[in-house]
């Protein structure tokens, strides 16, 4: 049951995050071409990483989900960025106004918060407490070190972007 709940929570949170990132991409104006390029590169990386994470969670609960739900999970994940871009384009303000900047900042912060939730609650909280790691503390230290390394790399990318 725990694996099944994790799979659903991961699917919902990655889908919401992908819609929000797509929305963020959709509301950018043509003046933000450098931002669009950076966001697109980040989007490709995030989709790859989220796809790997979601795939591993699906694999652990494969028997409980069944083929139809797995196909549904994959289909929903594949469409969410496009849905977000369409929503962003449909309500985007016409000019570079304070409303557009506020909307962009709000959506970006929501996307960052949802990614932190996925990382800390759905992945770290579960995978750091696996029973097989109880006796192997050095693996937990290595996992934690790699987690912080990834956070540092994303922070550097955020400063650069």
Protein backbone atom coordinates (compact mmCIF):
# COMPACT_ATOMS: atom_id res chain seq x y z
CA UNK A 1 0.00 0.00 0.00
CA UNK A 2 2.89 2.34 0.80
CA UNK A 3 4.39 1.86 -2.69
CA UNK A 4 1.01 2.49 -4.28
CA UNK A 5 0.47 5.70 -2.32
CA UNK A 6 3.99 6.82 -3.21
CA UNK A 7 3.33 6.17 -6.91
CA UNK A 8 0.12 8.22 -6.90
CA UNK A 9 1.66 11.05 -4.86
CA UNK A 10 4.69 11.15 -7.18
CA UNK A 11 2.46 11.17 -10.29
CA UNK A 12 0.26 13.96 -8.97
CA UNK A 13 3.13 16.12 -7.75
CA UNK A 14 5.23 15.71 -10.92
CA UNK A 15 2.19 16.39 -13.09
CA UNK A 16 1.38 19.57 -11.16
CA UNK A 17 5.01 20.66 -11.32
CA UNK A 18 5.16 20.05 -15.06
CA UNK A 19 1.95 21.99 -15.70
CA UNK A 20 3.28 24.91 -13.66
CA UNK A 21 6.65 24.92 -15.47
CA UNK A 22 4.84 24.75 -18.82
CA UNK A 23 2.61 27.62 -17.70
CA UNK A 24 5.68 29.61 -16.76
CA UNK A 25 7.11 29.01 -20.22
CA UNK A 26 3.82 30.01 -21.84
CA UNK A 27 3.48 33.39 -20.10
CA UNK A 28 6.92 34.65 -21.08
CA UNK A 29 6.98 37.46 -23.65
CA UNK A 30 9.08 37.62 -26.82
CA UNK A 31 11.41 40.07 -25.07
CA UNK A 32 12.44 37.23 -22.74
CA UNK A 33 14.09 35.08 -25.45
CA UNK A 34 17.18 34.40 -23.31
CA UNK A 35 14.94 33.42 -20.39
CA UNK A 36 12.93 31.17 -22.71
CA UNK A 37 16.11 29.41 -23.83
CA UNK A 38 17.27 28.87 -20.26
CA UNK A 39 13.82 27.73 -19.11
CA UNK A 40 13.62 25.32 -22.04
CA UNK A 41 16.99 23.80 -21.13
CA UNK A 42 15.92 23.52 -17.49
CA UNK A 43 12.62 22.03 -18.62
CA UNK A 44 14.36 19.30 -20.61
CA UNK A 45 16.60 18.43 -17.64
CA UNK A 46 13.70 18.47 -15.17
CA UNK A 47 11.48 16.32 -17.36
CA UNK A 48 14.30 13.81 -17.73
CA UNK A 49 14.95 13.70 -13.98
CA UNK A 50 11.25 13.59 -13.10
CA UNK A 51 10.71 10.85 -15.67
CA UNK A 52 13.49 8.77 -14.11
CA UNK A 53 12.08 9.31 -10.63
CA UNK A 54 8.53 8.53 -11.68
CA UNK A 55 9.71 5.50 -13.64
CA UNK A 56 11.53 4.07 -10.64
CA UNK A 57 8.49 4.62 -8.41
CA UNK A 58 6.22 3.00 -11.01
CA UNK A 59 8.61 0.06 -11.26
CA UNK A 60 8.48 -0.59 -7.50
CA UNK A 61 4.66 -0.68 -7.52
CA UNK A 62 4.23 -2.24 -10.97
CA UNK A 63 2.21 -5.25 -9.79
CA UNK A 64 -0.21 -3.18 -7.73
CA UNK A 65 -0.81 -0.60 -10.47
CA UNK A 66 -1.40 -2.85 -13.47
CA UNK A 67 -0.78 -2.10 -17.13
CA UNK A 68 -3.69 0.28 -17.67
CA UNK A 69 -2.72 2.58 -14.78
CA UNK A 70 0.94 2.55 -15.80
CA UNK A 71 0.00 3.62 -19.34
CA UNK A 72 -2.26 6.32 -17.86
CA UNK A 73 0.56 7.57 -15.61
CA UNK A 74 2.95 7.77 -18.55
CA UNK A 75 0.38 9.48 -20.79
CA UNK A 76 -0.51 12.09 -18.18
CA UNK A 77 3.15 12.82 -17.48
CA UNK A 78 3.85 13.17 -21.21
CA UNK A 79 1.08 15.74 -21.76
CA UNK A 80 1.40 17.97 -18.72
CA UNK A 81 4.04 20.42 -19.97
CA UNK A 82 2.10 21.00 -23.17
CA UNK A 83 -1.08 21.62 -21.20
CA UNK A 84 0.76 24.15 -19.05
CA UNK A 85 2.17 25.97 -22.10
CA UNK A 86 -1.31 26.16 -23.66
CA UNK A 87 -2.77 27.54 -20.42
CA UNK A 88 0.05 30.08 -20.13
CA UNK A 89 -0.37 31.25 -23.72
CA UNK A 90 -4.13 31.53 -23.34
CA UNK A 91 -4.05 33.92 -20.35
CA UNK A 92 -0.76 35.71 -20.98
CA UNK A 93 -0.96 39.50 -20.66
CA UNK A 94 -0.17 41.29 -23.93
CA UNK A 95 2.55 43.55 -22.59
CA UNK A 96 5.45 43.46 -20.15
CA UNK A 97 3.38 44.76 -17.25
CA UNK A 98 3.62 44.41 -13.50
CA UNK A 99 0.82 41.85 -13.72
CA UNK A 100 2.87 39.70 -16.10
CA UNK A 101 5.99 39.95 -13.91
CA UNK A 102 3.99 39.14 -10.78
CA UNK A 103 2.32 36.20 -12.48
CA UNK A 104 5.66 34.89 -13.72
CA UNK A 105 7.27 35.22 -10.28
CA UNK A 106 4.33 33.57 -8.53
CA UNK A 107 4.24 30.64 -10.91
CA UNK A 108 8.02 30.16 -10.69
CA UNK A 109 7.91 30.11 -6.89
CA UNK A 110 5.04 27.60 -6.88
CA UNK A 111 7.01 25.38 -9.28
CA UNK A 112 10.09 25.57 -7.05
CA UNK A 113 8.04 24.74 -3.95
CA UNK A 114 6.41 21.75 -5.59
CA UNK A 115 9.83 20.45 -6.66
CA UNK A 116 11.13 20.80 -3.11
CA UNK A 117 8.10 18.88 -1.88
CA UNK A 118 8.73 16.07 -4.38
CA UNK A 119 12.41 15.88 -3.47
CA UNK A 120 12.10 16.01 0.30
CA UNK A 121 8.85 14.22 1.06
CA UNK A 122 8.37 11.77 -1.77
CA UNK A 123 11.95 10.74 -2.50
CA UNK A 124 14.28 11.52 0.40
CA UNK A 125 11.73 10.69 3.08
CA UNK A 126 11.04 7.29 1.59
CA UNK A 127 14.34 6.16 0.11
CA UNK A 128 16.48 7.29 3.04
CA UNK A 129 14.39 5.14 5.40
CA UNK A 130 14.58 1.84 3.54
CA UNK A 131 15.09 -1.13 5.87
CA UNK A 132 18.10 -2.36 3.91
CA UNK A 133 19.96 0.87 4.71
CA UNK A 134 19.58 0.45 8.49
CA UNK A 135 22.92 -1.33 8.82
CA UNK A 136 24.77 0.54 6.08
CA UNK A 137 25.16 4.09 7.34
CA UNK A 138 27.87 4.89 4.81
CA UNK A 139 25.33 4.49 1.99
CA UNK A 140 23.02 6.99 3.67
CA UNK A 141 25.92 9.43 4.03
CA UNK A 142 26.77 8.96 0.34
CA UNK A 143 23.13 9.46 -0.66
CA UNK A 144 22.93 12.60 1.46
CA UNK A 145 26.17 13.92 -0.04
CA UNK A 146 24.87 13.37 -3.58
CA UNK A 147 21.58 15.03 -2.64
CA UNK A 148 23.42 18.13 -1.41
CA UNK A 149 25.67 18.10 -4.48
CA UNK A 150 22.58 18.11 -6.70
CA UNK A 151 21.06 20.95 -4.68
CA UNK A 152 24.30 22.94 -5.01
CA UNK A 153 24.41 22.40 -8.78
CA UNK A 154 20.79 23.55 -9.11
CA UNK A 155 21.59 26.58 -6.95
CA UNK A 156 24.52 27.49 -9.19
CA UNK A 157 22.33 27.08 -12.27
CA UNK A 158 19.71 29.31 -10.60
CA UNK A 159 22.28 32.03 -9.90
CA UNK A 160 23.63 31.78 -13.45
CA UNK A 161 20.16 31.85 -14.98
